[in-house]
Amino acid sequence: MMGMNPRKMQAMMKKMGIAQVEIEATEVIIKCPDKEIVITNPAVAKVKAMGSEQFTISGDIQEKELSSEAEITEEDIKTVMEQANVDEDKAKEALEAAEGDIAKAIMDLQS
């Protein structure tokens, strides 16, 4: 099949009920619970066969580990400071303990 004419290959696939479409993409991101897989310069093909769709992706692959810590911004700290009437250190501490949840941090400080 490797040396087969692309037109003949397409005709055979059509007879078998298989349709392939190339998708123009610049980046593909697969999100996992603990990491992201980023594929740059991708070649993406969507294949429809027997009632299902499948994607074939190739390209330059990079894996990015996700931080388990919530990002705490200056705005979050200021909000907690104002609402709970505490200093910056206590606000940061409460936000870290609440894993970035502003409402929980405020409630914890007020109780």
N, C-alpha and C. Protein backbone atom coordinates (compact mmCIF):
# COMPACT_ATOMS: atom_id res chain seq x y z
N MET A 1 0.81 -1.20 0.00
CA MET A 1 0.00 0.00 0.00
C MET A 1 0.85 1.26 0.00
N MET A 2 2.11 1.17 0.44
CA MET A 2 2.95 2.34 0.55
C MET A 2 3.22 2.96 -0.81
N GLY A 3 3.36 2.16 -1.86
CA GLY A 3 3.67 2.68 -3.18
C GLY A 3 2.41 2.99 -3.99
N MET A 4 1.24 2.89 -3.36
CA MET A 4 -0.01 3.07 -4.08
C MET A 4 -0.25 4.54 -4.41
N ASN A 5 -0.85 4.77 -5.55
CA ASN A 5 -1.24 6.11 -5.99
C ASN A 5 -2.23 6.70 -4.98
N PRO A 6 -2.01 7.94 -4.52
CA PRO A 6 -2.92 8.55 -3.54
C PRO A 6 -4.38 8.59 -4.00
N ARG A 7 -4.62 8.79 -5.31
CA ARG A 7 -6.00 8.81 -5.81
C ARG A 7 -6.66 7.43 -5.69
N LYS A 8 -5.88 6.38 -6.02
CA LYS A 8 -6.42 5.01 -5.88
C LYS A 8 -6.70 4.70 -4.41
N MET A 9 -5.81 5.17 -3.55
CA MET A 9 -5.98 4.95 -2.12
C MET A 9 -7.27 5.63 -1.63
N GLN A 10 -7.49 6.86 -2.06
CA GLN A 10 -8.71 7.59 -1.68
C GLN A 10 -9.95 6.86 -2.20
N ALA A 11 -9.89 6.38 -3.43
CA ALA A 11 -11.03 5.66 -4.01
C ALA A 11 -11.33 4.38 -3.23
N MET A 12 -10.27 3.64 -2.86
CA MET A 12 -10.46 2.41 -2.07
C MET A 12 -11.09 2.73 -0.71
N MET A 13 -10.58 3.80 -0.08
CA MET A 13 -11.10 4.18 1.23
C MET A 13 -12.58 4.58 1.12
N LYS A 14 -12.92 5.29 0.04
CA LYS A 14 -14.31 5.72 -0.16
C LYS A 14 -15.23 4.50 -0.32
N LYS A 15 -14.78 3.50 -1.09
CA LYS A 15 -15.56 2.27 -1.28
C LYS A 15 -15.80 1.55 0.04
N MET A 16 -14.82 1.62 0.93
CA MET A 16 -14.93 0.95 2.23
C MET A 16 -15.68 1.81 3.25
N GLY A 17 -16.13 3.00 2.84
CA GLY A 17 -16.88 3.87 3.77
C GLY A 17 -15.98 4.63 4.71
N ILE A 18 -14.73 4.83 4.33
CA ILE A 18 -13.77 5.55 5.18
C ILE A 18 -13.50 6.91 4.55
N ALA A 19 -13.68 7.97 5.33
CA ALA A 19 -13.40 9.31 4.84
C ALA A 19 -12.32 9.94 5.71
N GLN A 20 -11.31 10.50 5.06
CA GLN A 20 -10.22 11.15 5.80
C GLN A 20 -10.15 12.61 5.38
N VAL A 21 -10.05 13.49 6.40
CA VAL A 21 -9.97 14.92 6.15
C VAL A 21 -8.76 15.46 6.90
N GLU A 22 -7.93 16.22 6.20
CA GLU A 22 -6.79 16.87 6.85
C GLU A 22 -7.31 18.13 7.53
N ILE A 23 -6.89 18.37 8.77
CA ILE A 23 -7.30 19.55 9.52
C ILE A 23 -6.11 20.47 9.68
N GLU A 24 -6.30 21.72 9.28
CA GLU A 24 -5.23 22.69 9.40
C GLU A 24 -5.20 23.16 10.86
N ALA A 25 -4.13 22.88 11.56
CA ALA A 25 -4.00 23.24 12.97
C ALA A 25 -2.62 23.82 13.22
N THR A 26 -2.53 24.71 14.21
CA THR A 26 -1.24 25.30 14.56
C THR A 26 -0.68 24.71 15.84
N GLU A 27 -1.58 24.18 16.70
CA GLU A 27 -1.14 23.60 17.97
C GLU A 27 -2.26 22.70 18.48
N VAL A 28 -1.88 21.60 19.12
CA VAL A 28 -2.84 20.68 19.74
C VAL A 28 -2.43 20.54 21.20
N ILE A 29 -3.42 20.71 22.11
CA ILE A 29 -3.14 20.59 23.54
C ILE A 29 -4.03 19.49 24.11
N ILE A 30 -3.41 18.53 24.76
CA ILE A 30 -4.13 17.46 25.45
C ILE A 30 -3.97 17.71 26.94
N LYS A 31 -5.10 17.93 27.63
CA LYS A 31 -5.05 18.25 29.05
C LYS A 31 -5.30 16.99 29.87
N CYS A 32 -4.36 16.68 30.74
CA CYS A 32 -4.45 15.55 31.66
C CYS A 32 -4.54 16.11 33.08
N PRO A 33 -4.91 15.28 34.05
CA PRO A 33 -5.01 15.79 35.42
C PRO A 33 -3.70 16.37 35.97
N ASP A 34 -2.57 15.82 35.57
CA ASP A 34 -1.29 16.26 36.14
C ASP A 34 -0.34 16.92 35.15
N LYS A 35 -0.73 16.96 33.86
CA LYS A 35 0.17 17.55 32.86
C LYS A 35 -0.62 17.95 31.62
N GLU A 36 0.03 18.72 30.76
CA GLU A 36 -0.50 19.05 29.45
C GLU A 36 0.49 18.54 28.42
N ILE A 37 -0.03 17.95 27.36
CA ILE A 37 0.80 17.52 26.25
C ILE A 37 0.53 18.51 25.12
N VAL A 38 1.57 19.24 24.72
CA VAL A 38 1.44 20.26 23.70
C VAL A 38 2.15 19.77 22.44
N ILE A 39 1.42 19.76 21.33
CA ILE A 39 1.98 19.31 20.06
C ILE A 39 2.00 20.52 19.12
N THR A 40 3.22 20.96 18.78
CA THR A 40 3.38 22.08 17.87
C THR A 40 3.72 21.56 16.48
N ASN A 41 3.50 22.38 15.48
CA ASN A 41 3.68 21.97 14.08
C ASN A 41 2.95 20.66 13.78
N PRO A 42 1.66 20.58 14.16
CA PRO A 42 0.97 19.30 14.02
C PRO A 42 0.48 19.01 12.60
N ALA A 43 0.42 17.73 12.30
CA ALA A 43 -0.28 17.22 11.12
C ALA A 43 -1.46 16.46 11.70
N VAL A 44 -2.67 16.93 11.42
CA VAL A 44 -3.87 16.35 12.03
C VAL A 44 -4.79 15.82 10.93
N ALA A 45 -5.22 14.58 11.09
CA ALA A 45 -6.15 13.96 10.15
C ALA A 45 -7.34 13.41 10.92
N LYS A 46 -8.55 13.69 10.42
CA LYS A 46 -9.76 13.12 11.03
C LYS A 46 -10.25 12.02 10.10
N VAL A 47 -10.43 10.83 10.66
CA VAL A 47 -10.86 9.68 9.88
C VAL A 47 -12.23 9.23 10.39
N LYS A 48 -13.19 9.16 9.46
CA LYS A 48 -14.53 8.65 9.79
C LYS A 48 -14.64 7.26 9.21
N ALA A 49 -14.93 6.29 10.07
CA ALA A 49 -15.08 4.91 9.61
C ALA A 49 -16.04 4.19 10.53
N MET A 50 -16.95 3.44 9.95
CA MET A 50 -17.89 2.60 10.69
C MET A 50 -18.59 3.37 11.81
N GLY A 51 -19.02 4.59 11.53
CA GLY A 51 -19.81 5.35 12.49
C GLY A 51 -19.03 6.04 13.59
N SER A 52 -17.73 5.98 13.55
CA SER A 52 -16.94 6.67 14.58
C SER A 52 -15.91 7.58 13.93
N GLU A 53 -15.46 8.54 14.71
CA GLU A 53 -14.44 9.47 14.24
C GLU A 53 -13.18 9.30 15.07
N GLN A 54 -12.05 9.33 14.40
CA GLN A 54 -10.76 9.22 15.07
C GLN A 54 -9.85 10.31 14.54
N PHE A 55 -8.96 10.77 15.40
CA PHE A 55 -8.00 11.78 15.01
C PHE A 55 -6.60 11.19 15.09
N THR A 56 -5.79 11.47 14.09
CA THR A 56 -4.39 11.07 14.09
C THR A 56 -3.59 12.35 14.12
N ILE A 57 -2.68 12.45 15.10
CA ILE A 57 -1.91 13.67 15.29
C ILE A 57 -0.43 13.31 15.37
N SER A 58 0.38 14.07 14.64
CA SER A 58 1.83 13.93 14.78
C SER A 58 2.42 15.33 14.77
N GLY A 59 3.60 15.48 15.34
CA GLY A 59 4.25 16.78 15.39
C GLY A 59 5.32 16.79 16.47
N ASP A 60 5.73 18.00 16.86
CA ASP A 60 6.74 18.17 17.90
C ASP A 60 6.04 18.15 19.26
N ILE A 61 6.41 17.20 20.10
CA ILE A 61 5.70 16.98 21.37
C ILE A 61 6.49 17.52 22.55
N GLN A 62 5.78 18.25 23.43
CA GLN A 62 6.34 18.73 24.69
C GLN A 62 5.35 18.41 25.80
N GLU A 63 5.85 18.00 26.94
CA GLU A 63 4.99 17.76 28.09
C GLU A 63 5.25 18.81 29.15
N LYS A 64 4.19 19.37 29.68
CA LYS A 64 4.30 20.38 30.73
C LYS A 64 3.62 19.84 31.99
N GLU A 65 4.39 19.74 33.06
CA GLU A 65 3.83 19.31 34.33
C GLU A 65 3.01 20.46 34.90
N LEU A 66 1.84 20.16 35.44
CA LEU A 66 1.00 21.18 36.04
C LEU A 66 1.32 21.31 37.52
N SER A 67 1.35 22.52 37.98
CA SER A 67 1.60 22.78 39.40
C SER A 67 0.35 22.43 40.19
N SER A 68 0.52 21.77 41.30
CA SER A 68 -0.63 21.42 42.13
C SER A 68 -1.05 22.58 43.02
N GLU A 69 -0.18 23.60 43.09
CA GLU A 69 -0.50 24.76 43.91
C GLU A 69 -1.35 25.74 43.13
N ALA A 70 -2.39 26.29 43.80
CA ALA A 70 -3.22 27.30 43.16
C ALA A 70 -2.44 28.60 43.07
N GLU A 71 -2.65 29.31 41.99
CA GLU A 71 -1.99 30.60 41.82
C GLU A 71 -2.73 31.65 42.64
N ILE A 72 -2.02 32.29 43.52
CA ILE A 72 -2.61 33.31 44.38
C ILE A 72 -2.09 34.66 43.91
N THR A 73 -3.01 35.53 43.51
CA THR A 73 -2.63 36.83 42.97
C THR A 73 -2.67 37.90 44.06
N GLU A 74 -2.05 39.02 43.75
CA GLU A 74 -2.07 40.17 44.68
C GLU A 74 -3.50 40.63 44.92
N GLU A 75 -4.32 40.56 43.87
CA GLU A 75 -5.72 40.96 43.99
C GLU A 75 -6.46 40.05 44.97
N ASP A 76 -6.18 38.74 44.93
CA ASP A 76 -6.79 37.80 45.87
C ASP A 76 -6.41 38.16 47.30
N ILE A 77 -5.13 38.46 47.49
CA ILE A 77 -4.63 38.79 48.84
C ILE A 77 -5.31 40.06 49.35
N LYS A 78 -5.41 41.08 48.50
CA LYS A 78 -6.06 42.34 48.89
C LYS A 78 -7.52 42.12 49.25
N THR A 79 -8.21 41.29 48.47
CA THR A 79 -9.62 41.00 48.75
C THR A 79 -9.77 40.36 50.12
N VAL A 80 -8.94 39.36 50.41
CA VAL A 80 -9.02 38.68 51.71
C VAL A 80 -8.66 39.65 52.83
N MET A 81 -7.64 40.48 52.63
CA MET A 81 -7.24 41.46 53.65
C MET A 81 -8.40 42.39 53.99
N GLU A 82 -9.07 42.91 52.96
CA GLU A 82 -10.17 43.85 53.17
C GLU A 82 -11.39 43.19 53.80
N GLN A 83 -11.75 42.03 53.29
CA GLN A 83 -12.98 41.37 53.77
C GLN A 83 -12.82 40.78 55.18
N ALA A 84 -11.64 40.26 55.49
CA ALA A 84 -11.43 39.63 56.80
C ALA A 84 -10.74 40.57 57.79
N ASN A 85 -10.36 41.77 57.29
CA ASN A 85 -9.71 42.77 58.14
C ASN A 85 -8.45 42.20 58.81
N VAL A 86 -7.55 41.65 57.96
CA VAL A 86 -6.29 41.07 58.45
C VAL A 86 -5.13 41.65 57.66
N ASP A 87 -3.91 41.40 58.14
CA ASP A 87 -2.73 41.89 57.42
C ASP A 87 -2.39 40.95 56.26
N GLU A 88 -1.42 41.35 55.46
CA GLU A 88 -1.05 40.61 54.26
C GLU A 88 -0.57 39.19 54.55
N ASP A 89 0.25 39.02 55.58
CA ASP A 89 0.77 37.69 55.90
C ASP A 89 -0.35 36.72 56.26
N LYS A 90 -1.32 37.19 57.07
CA LYS A 90 -2.43 36.30 57.45
C LYS A 90 -3.30 35.98 56.25
N ALA A 91 -3.49 36.96 55.37
CA ALA A 91 -4.30 36.74 54.18
C ALA A 91 -3.64 35.69 53.28
N LYS A 92 -2.32 35.80 53.06
CA LYS A 92 -1.57 34.83 52.24
C LYS A 92 -1.66 33.44 52.85
N GLU A 93 -1.45 33.38 54.16
CA GLU A 93 -1.49 32.09 54.86
C GLU A 93 -2.84 31.42 54.70
N ALA A 94 -3.91 32.22 54.86
CA ALA A 94 -5.27 31.68 54.76
C ALA A 94 -5.55 31.21 53.33
N LEU A 95 -5.10 31.97 52.33
CA LEU A 95 -5.31 31.57 50.94
C LEU A 95 -4.55 30.29 50.61
N GLU A 96 -3.34 30.17 51.11
CA GLU A 96 -2.58 28.95 50.86
C GLU A 96 -3.25 27.74 51.51
N ALA A 97 -3.75 27.93 52.74
CA ALA A 97 -4.44 26.83 53.44
C ALA A 97 -5.73 26.45 52.72
N ALA A 98 -6.38 27.45 52.10
CA ALA A 98 -7.64 27.22 51.40
C ALA A 98 -7.41 26.86 49.93
N GLU A 99 -6.15 26.62 49.54
CA GLU A 99 -5.77 26.26 48.18
C GLU A 99 -6.28 27.26 47.15
N GLY A 100 -6.19 28.56 47.51
CA GLY A 100 -6.57 29.63 46.59
C GLY A 100 -8.03 30.00 46.59
N ASP A 101 -8.84 29.31 47.38
CA ASP A 101 -10.28 29.59 47.46
C ASP A 101 -10.50 30.83 48.33
N ILE A 102 -10.83 31.97 47.70
CA ILE A 102 -10.96 33.24 48.40
C ILE A 102 -12.06 33.19 49.46
N ALA A 103 -13.23 32.68 49.09
CA ALA A 103 -14.36 32.65 50.03
C ALA A 103 -14.03 31.80 51.25
N LYS A 104 -13.40 30.66 51.04
CA LYS A 104 -13.03 29.79 52.18
C LYS A 104 -12.00 30.47 53.05
N ALA A 105 -11.03 31.15 52.46
CA ALA A 105 -10.00 31.84 53.24
C ALA A 105 -10.64 32.91 54.12
N ILE A 106 -11.56 33.67 53.55
CA ILE A 106 -12.24 34.73 54.33
C ILE A 106 -13.06 34.12 55.46
N MET A 107 -13.81 33.09 55.15
CA MET A 107 -14.65 32.44 56.17
C MET A 107 -13.79 31.84 57.29
N ASP A 108 -12.67 31.22 56.92
CA ASP A 108 -11.78 30.64 57.93
C ASP A 108 -11.23 31.73 58.85
N LEU A 109 -10.89 32.88 58.29
CA LEU A 109 -10.33 33.97 59.11
C LEU A 109 -11.40 34.62 59.99
N GLN A 110 -12.62 34.63 59.55
CA GLN A 110 -13.68 35.27 60.32
C GLN A 110 -14.25 34.36 61.40
N SER A 111 -13.99 33.07 61.31
CA SER A 111 -14.54 32.17 62.33
C SER A 111 -13.57 31.92 63.46
